């Protein structure tokens, strides 16, 4: 016979024990917010990479122009 998981020692019950018929998964709003945040991070990373390449290019041009 399988034993049930024990409740926390402080007497409180976990969310899953209070409603065992509902699967434990994030809400749709949380999933959407996570997707939006991933998109924002990707856009920020691409913008940072473009800015870095821009800076490297112009620093290189400046150094080459000053090395005469």
PDB file of N, CA and C in Angstrom:
ATOM      1  N   UNK A   1       0.845  -1.165   0.000  1.00  0.00           N
ATOM      2  CA  UNK A   1       0.000   0.000   0.000  1.00  0.00           C
ATOM      3  C   UNK A   1       0.898   1.238   0.000  1.00  0.00           C
ATOM      4  N   UNK A   2       0.642   2.157  -0.904  1.00  0.00           N
ATOM      5  CA  UNK A   2       1.461   3.360  -1.027  1.00  0.00           C
ATOM      6  C   UNK A   2       1.100   4.344   0.070  1.00  0.00           C
ATOM      7  N   UNK A   3       2.136   4.948   0.639  1.00  0.00           N
ATOM      8  CA  UNK A   3       1.874   5.933   1.690  1.00  0.00           C
ATOM      9  C   UNK A   3       1.755   7.321   1.083  1.00  0.00           C
ATOM     10  N   UNK A   4       0.917   8.136   1.690  1.00  0.00           N
ATOM     11  CA  UNK A   4       0.734   9.517   1.221  1.00  0.00           C
ATOM     12  C   UNK A   4       1.922  10.346   1.664  1.00  0.00           C
ATOM     13  N   UNK A   5       2.286  11.344   0.867  1.00  0.00           N
ATOM     14  CA  UNK A   5       3.353  12.241   1.310  1.00  0.00           C
ATOM     15  C   UNK A   5       2.928  12.980   2.573  1.00  0.00           C
ATOM     16  N   UNK A   6       3.884  13.184   3.450  1.00  0.00           N
ATOM     17  CA  UNK A   6       3.564  13.833   4.721  1.00  0.00           C
ATOM     18  C   UNK A   6       3.447  15.334   4.540  1.00  0.00           C
ATOM     19  N   UNK A   7       2.545  15.924   5.272  1.00  0.00           N
ATOM     20  CA  UNK A   7       2.360  17.379   5.252  1.00  0.00           C
ATOM     21  C   UNK A   7       3.536  18.031   5.969  1.00  0.00           C
ATOM     22  N   UNK A   8       3.795  19.294   5.689  1.00  0.00           N
ATOM     23  CA  UNK A   8       4.866  20.002   6.401  1.00  0.00           C
ATOM     24  C   UNK A   8       4.635  19.965   7.906  1.00  0.00           C
ATOM     25  N   UNK A   9       5.718  20.027   8.676  1.00  0.00           N
ATOM     26  CA  UNK A   9       5.640  19.877  10.127  1.00  0.00           C
ATOM     27  C   UNK A   9       4.921  21.031  10.820  1.00  0.00           C
ATOM     28  N   UNK A  10       4.806  22.177  10.158  1.00  0.00           N
ATOM     29  CA  UNK A  10       4.137  23.306  10.811  1.00  0.00           C
ATOM     30  C   UNK A  10       2.615  23.194  10.759  1.00  0.00           C
ATOM     31  N   UNK A  11       2.105  22.129  10.196  1.00  0.00           N
ATOM     32  CA  UNK A  11       0.666  21.910  10.167  1.00  0.00           C
ATOM     33  C   UNK A  11      -0.018  22.456   8.935  1.00  0.00           C
ATOM     34  N   UNK A  12       0.699  23.260   8.139  1.00  0.00           N
ATOM     35  CA  UNK A  12       0.079  23.794   6.929  1.00  0.00           C
ATOM     36  C   UNK A  12       0.098  22.727   5.837  1.00  0.00           C
ATOM     37  N   UNK A  13      -0.806  22.859   4.914  1.00  0.00           N
ATOM     38  CA  UNK A  13      -0.859  21.912   3.804  1.00  0.00           C
ATOM     39  C   UNK A  13      -0.368  22.606   2.550  1.00  0.00           C
ATOM     40  N   UNK A  14       0.291  21.837   1.711  1.00  0.00           N
ATOM     41  CA  UNK A  14       0.778  22.425   0.470  1.00  0.00           C
ATOM     42  C   UNK A  14      -0.398  22.700  -0.464  1.00  0.00           C
ATOM     43  N   UNK A  15      -0.139  23.524  -1.475  1.00  0.00           N
ATOM     44  CA  UNK A  15      -1.194  23.875  -2.429  1.00  0.00           C
ATOM     45  C   UNK A  15      -1.710  22.631  -3.146  1.00  0.00           C
ATOM     46  N   UNK A  16      -0.807  21.713  -3.467  1.00  0.00           N
ATOM     47  CA  UNK A  16      -1.219  20.506  -4.177  1.00  0.00           C
ATOM     48  C   UNK A  16      -2.081  19.615  -3.283  1.00  0.00           C
ATOM     49  N   UNK A  17      -1.775  19.554  -1.997  1.00  0.00           N
ATOM     50  CA  UNK A  17      -2.580  18.736  -1.090  1.00  0.00           C
ATOM     51  C   UNK A  17      -3.965  19.336  -0.874  1.00  0.00           C
ATOM     52  N   UNK A  18      -4.068  20.649  -0.940  1.00  0.00           N
ATOM     53  CA  UNK A  18      -5.375  21.287  -0.769  1.00  0.00           C
ATOM     54  C   UNK A  18      -6.285  21.037  -1.966  1.00  0.00           C
ATOM     55  N   UNK A  19      -5.723  20.956  -3.161  1.00  0.00           N
ATOM     56  CA  UNK A  19      -6.517  20.707  -4.367  1.00  0.00           C
ATOM     57  C   UNK A  19      -5.780  19.699  -5.254  1.00  0.00           C
ATOM     58  N   UNK A  20      -5.783  18.420  -4.880  1.00  0.00           N
ATOM     59  CA  UNK A  20      -4.992  17.429  -5.624  1.00  0.00           C
ATOM     60  C   UNK A  20      -5.491  17.170  -7.044  1.00  0.00           C
ATOM     61  N   UNK A  21      -6.730  17.545  -7.371  1.00  0.00           N
ATOM     62  CA  UNK A  21      -7.231  17.279  -8.720  1.00  0.00           C
ATOM     63  C   UNK A  21      -6.709  18.287  -9.742  1.00  0.00           C
ATOM     64  N   UNK A  22      -6.115  19.378  -9.269  1.00  0.00           N
ATOM     65  CA  UNK A  22      -5.582  20.395 -10.170  1.00  0.00           C
ATOM     66  C   UNK A  22      -4.091  20.141 -10.339  1.00  0.00           C
ATOM     67  N   UNK A  23      -3.626  19.964 -11.572  1.00  0.00           N
ATOM     68  CA  UNK A  23      -2.189  19.727 -11.758  1.00  0.00           C
ATOM     69  C   UNK A  23      -1.374  20.960 -11.374  1.00  0.00           C
ATOM     70  N   UNK A  24      -0.189  20.721 -10.864  1.00  0.00           N
ATOM     71  CA  UNK A  24       0.687  21.828 -10.465  1.00  0.00           C
ATOM     72  C   UNK A  24       1.433  22.323 -11.694  1.00  0.00           C
ATOM     73  N   UNK A  25       0.964  23.414 -12.277  1.00  0.00           N
ATOM     74  CA  UNK A  25       1.615  24.019 -13.441  1.00  0.00           C
ATOM     75  C   UNK A  25       1.407  25.518 -13.371  1.00  0.00           C
ATOM     76  N   UNK A  26       2.295  26.285 -14.006  1.00  0.00           N
ATOM     77  CA  UNK A  26       2.135  27.741 -13.935  1.00  0.00           C
ATOM     78  C   UNK A  26       0.879  28.206 -14.652  1.00  0.00           C
ATOM     79  N   UNK A  27       0.346  29.301 -14.204  1.00  0.00           N
ATOM     80  CA  UNK A  27      -0.837  29.873 -14.843  1.00  0.00           C
ATOM     81  C   UNK A  27      -0.468  30.396 -16.220  1.00  0.00           C
ATOM     82  N   UNK A  28      -1.469  30.518 -17.095  1.00  0.00           N
ATOM     83  CA  UNK A  28      -1.219  30.998 -18.451  1.00  0.00           C
ATOM     84  C   UNK A  28      -0.603  32.390 -18.447  1.00  0.00           C
ATOM     85  N   UNK A  29      -1.025  33.237 -17.526  1.00  0.00           N
ATOM     86  CA  UNK A  29      -0.479  34.596 -17.458  1.00  0.00           C
ATOM     87  C   UNK A  29       1.011  34.557 -17.142  1.00  0.00           C
ATOM     88  N   UNK A  30       1.418  33.644 -16.266  1.00  0.00           N
ATOM     89  CA  UNK A  30       2.839  33.526 -15.932  1.00  0.00           C
ATOM     90  C   UNK A  30       3.628  33.037 -17.137  1.00  0.00           C
ATOM     91  N   UNK A  31       3.057  32.105 -17.877  1.00  0.00           N
ATOM     92  CA  UNK A  31       3.748  31.584 -19.057  1.00  0.00           C
ATOM     93  C   UNK A  31       3.891  32.686 -20.104  1.00  0.00           C
ATOM     94  N   UNK A  32       2.846  33.489 -20.289  1.00  0.00           N
ATOM     95  CA  UNK A  32       2.900  34.593 -21.246  1.00  0.00           C
ATOM     96  C   UNK A  32       3.934  35.619 -20.810  1.00  0.00           C
ATOM     97  N   UNK A  33       3.960  35.944 -19.532  1.00  0.00           N
ATOM     98  CA  UNK A  33       4.942  36.908 -19.024  1.00  0.00           C
ATOM     99  C   UNK A  33       6.354  36.378 -19.219  1.00  0.00           C
ATOM    100  N   UNK A  34       6.548  35.095 -19.015  1.00  0.00           N
ATOM    101  CA  UNK A  34       7.869  34.499 -19.230  1.00  0.00           C
ATOM    102  C   UNK A  34       8.289  34.574 -20.680  1.00  0.00           C
ATOM    103  N   UNK A  35       7.356  34.326 -21.579  1.00  0.00           N
ATOM    104  CA  UNK A  35       7.653  34.407 -23.013  1.00  0.00           C
ATOM    105  C   UNK A  35       8.000  35.835 -23.408  1.00  0.00           C
ATOM    106  N   UNK A  36       7.256  36.799 -22.883  1.00  0.00           N
ATOM    107  CA  UNK A  36       7.538  38.208 -23.183  1.00  0.00           C
ATOM    108  C   UNK A  36       8.916  38.588 -22.655  1.00  0.00           C
ATOM    109  N   UNK A  37       9.251  38.147 -21.452  1.00  0.00           N
ATOM    110  CA  UNK A  37      10.559  38.474 -20.880  1.00  0.00           C
ATOM    111  C   UNK A  37      11.687  37.856 -21.694  1.00  0.00           C
ATOM    112  N   UNK A  38      11.493  36.631 -22.193  1.00  0.00           N
ATOM    113  CA  UNK A  38      12.513  36.019 -23.048  1.00  0.00           C
ATOM    114  C   UNK A  38      12.694  36.836 -24.316  1.00  0.00           C
ATOM    115  N   UNK A  39      11.597  37.306 -24.886  1.00  0.00           N
ATOM    116  CA  UNK A  39      11.676  38.143 -26.083  1.00  0.00           C
ATOM    117  C   UNK A  39      12.407  39.441 -25.815  1.00  0.00           C
ATOM    118  N   UNK A  40      12.111  40.062 -24.667  1.00  0.00           N
ATOM    119  CA  UNK A  40      12.787  41.311 -24.301  1.00  0.00           C
ATOM    120  C   UNK A  40      14.280  41.067 -24.128  1.00  0.00           C
ATOM    121  N   UNK A  41      14.650  39.966 -23.500  1.00  0.00           N
ATOM    122  CA  UNK A  41      16.069  39.658 -23.308  1.00  0.00           C
ATOM    123  C   UNK A  41      16.775  39.411 -24.633  1.00  0.00           C
ATOM    124  N   UNK A  42      16.113  38.735 -25.566  1.00  0.00           N
ATOM    125  CA  UNK A  42      16.714  38.488 -26.879  1.00  0.00           C
ATOM    126  C   UNK A  42      16.923  39.805 -27.614  1.00  0.00           C
ATOM    127  N   UNK A  43      15.921  40.675 -27.598  1.00  0.00           N
ATOM    128  CA  UNK A  43      16.045  41.978 -28.268  1.00  0.00           C
ATOM    129  C   UNK A  43      17.165  42.796 -27.625  1.00  0.00           C
ATOM    130  N   UNK A  44      17.251  42.788 -26.302  1.00  0.00           N
ATOM    131  CA  UNK A  44      18.307  43.534 -25.609  1.00  0.00           C
ATOM    132  C   UNK A  44      19.684  42.972 -25.947  1.00  0.00           C
ATOM    133  N   UNK A  45      19.801  41.654 -26.046  1.00  0.00           N
ATOM    134  CA  UNK A  45      21.087  41.040 -26.380  1.00  0.00           C
ATOM    135  C   UNK A  45      21.509  41.396 -27.798  1.00  0.00           C
ATOM    136  N   UNK A  46      20.573  41.379 -28.737  1.00  0.00           N
ATOM    137  CA  UNK A  46      20.883  41.737 -30.126  1.00  0.00           C
ATOM    138  C   UNK A  46      21.286  43.205 -30.201  1.00  0.00           C
ATOM    139  N   UNK A  47      20.569  44.076 -29.512  1.00  0.00           N
ATOM    140  CA  UNK A  47      20.903  45.502 -29.514  1.00  0.00           C
ATOM    141  C   UNK A  47      22.286  45.733 -28.907  1.00  0.00           C
ATOM    142  N   UNK A  48      22.609  45.035 -27.834  1.00  0.00           N
ATOM    143  CA  UNK A  48      23.926  45.169 -27.203  1.00  0.00           C
ATOM    144  C   UNK A  48      25.025  44.682 -28.141  1.00  0.00           C
ATOM    145  N   UNK A  49      24.781  43.589 -28.860  1.00  0.00           N
ATOM    146  CA  UNK A  49      25.778  43.074 -29.801  1.00  0.00           C
ATOM    147  C   UNK A  49      26.011  44.062 -30.942  1.00  0.00           C
ATOM    148  N   UNK A  50      24.944  44.644 -31.460  1.00  0.00           N
ATOM    149  CA  UNK A  50      25.078  45.631 -32.547  1.00  0.00           C
ATOM    150  C   UNK A  50      25.841  46.857 -32.046  1.00  0.00           C
ATOM    151  N   UNK A  51      25.518  47.327 -30.852  1.00  0.00           N
ATOM    152  CA  UNK A  51      26.213  48.483 -30.283  1.00  0.00           C
ATOM    153  C   UNK A  51      27.695  48.175 -30.065  1.00  0.00           C
ATOM    154  N   UNK A  52      27.991  46.985 -29.593  1.00  0.00           N
ATOM    155  CA  UNK A  52      29.384  46.596 -29.371  1.00  0.00           C
ATOM    156  C   UNK A  52      30.157  46.556 -30.685  1.00  0.00           C
ATOM    157  N   UNK A  53      29.569  45.982 -31.728  1.00  0.00           N
ATOM    158  CA  UNK A  53      30.232  45.950 -33.037  1.00  0.00           C
ATOM    159  C   UNK A  53      30.444  47.363 -33.577  1.00  0.00           C
ATOM    160  N   UNK A  54      29.462  48.223 -33.397  1.00  0.00           N
ATOM    161  CA  UNK A  54      29.558  49.623 -33.824  1.00  0.00           C
ATOM    162  C   UNK A  54      30.726  50.310 -33.124  1.00  0.00           C
ATOM    163  N   UNK A  55      30.830  50.104 -31.807  1.00  0.00           N
ATOM    164  CA  UNK A  55      31.912  50.724 -31.044  1.00  0.00           C
ATOM    165  C   UNK A  55      33.270  50.170 -31.462  1.00  0.00           C
ATOM    166  N   UNK A  56      33.375  48.873 -31.633  1.00  0.00           N
ATOM    167  CA  UNK A  56      34.644  48.257 -32.042  1.00  0.00           C
ATOM    168  C   UNK A  56      35.067  48.783 -33.405  1.00  0.00           C
ATOM    169  N   UNK A  57      34.135  48.907 -34.326  1.00  0.00           N
ATOM    170  CA  UNK A  57      34.452  49.402 -35.671  1.00  0.00           C
ATOM    171  C   UNK A  57      35.010  50.820 -35.609  1.00  0.00           C
ATOM    172  N   UNK A  58      34.327  51.709 -34.891  1.00  0.00           N
ATOM    173  CA  UNK A  58      34.769  53.101 -34.863  1.00  0.00           C
ATOM    174  C   UNK A  58      36.035  53.298 -34.031  1.00  0.00           C
ATOM    175  N   UNK A  59      36.229  52.510 -32.995  1.00  0.00           N
ATOM    176  CA  UNK A  59      37.496  52.576 -32.257  1.00  0.00           C
ATOM    177  C   UNK A  59      38.627  52.105 -33.163  1.00  0.00           C
ATOM    178  N   UNK A  60      38.379  51.053 -33.932  1.00  0.00           N
ATOM    179  CA  UNK A  60      39.394  50.574 -34.879  1.00  0.00           C
ATOM    180  C   UNK A  60      39.732  51.617 -35.925  1.00  0.00           C
ATOM    181  N   UNK A  61      38.730  52.282 -36.469  1.00  0.00           N
ATOM    182  CA  UNK A  61      38.965  53.336 -37.466  1.00  0.00           C
ATOM    183  C   UNK A  61      39.760  54.475 -36.832  1.00  0.00           C
ATOM    184  N   UNK A  62      39.407  54.850 -35.608  1.00  0.00           N
ATOM    185  CA  UNK A  62      40.108  55.934 -34.918  1.00  0.00           C
ATOM    186  C   UNK A  62      41.573  55.569 -34.672  1.00  0.00           C
ATOM    187  N   UNK A  63      41.823  54.345 -34.236  1.00  0.00           N
ATOM    188  CA  UNK A  63      43.194  53.903 -33.965  1.00  0.00           C
ATOM    189  C   UNK A  63      44.000  53.858 -35.253  1.00  0.00           C
ATOM    190  N   UNK A  64      43.407  53.345 -36.320  1.00  0.00           N
ATOM    191  CA  UNK A  64      44.126  53.264 -37.600  1.00  0.00           C
ATOM    192  C   UNK A  64      44.402  54.662 -38.153  1.00  0.00           C
ATOM    193  N   UNK A  65      43.489  55.596 -37.969  1.00  0.00           N
ATOM    194  CA  UNK A  65      43.689  56.954 -38.473  1.00  0.00           C
ATOM    195  C   UNK A  65      44.776  57.675 -37.672  1.00  0.00           C
ATOM    196  N   UNK A  66      44.898  57.364 -36.413  1.00  0.00           N
ATOM    197  CA  UNK A  66      45.886  58.032 -35.573  1.00  0.00           C
ATOM    198  C   UNK A  66      47.254  57.393 -35.612  1.00  0.00           C
ATOM    199  N   UNK A  67      47.406  56.279 -36.298  1.00  0.00           N
ATOM    200  CA  UNK A  67      48.686  55.565 -36.295  1.00  0.00           C
ATOM    201  C   UNK A  67      49.592  55.968 -37.441  1.00  0.00           C
ATOM    202  N   UNK A  68      49.308  57.072 -38.119  1.00  0.00           N
ATOM    203  CA  UNK A  68      50.160  57.496 -39.235  1.00  0.00           C
ATOM    204  C   UNK A  68      51.440  58.082 -38.741  1.00  0.00           C
TER     205      UNK A  68
END
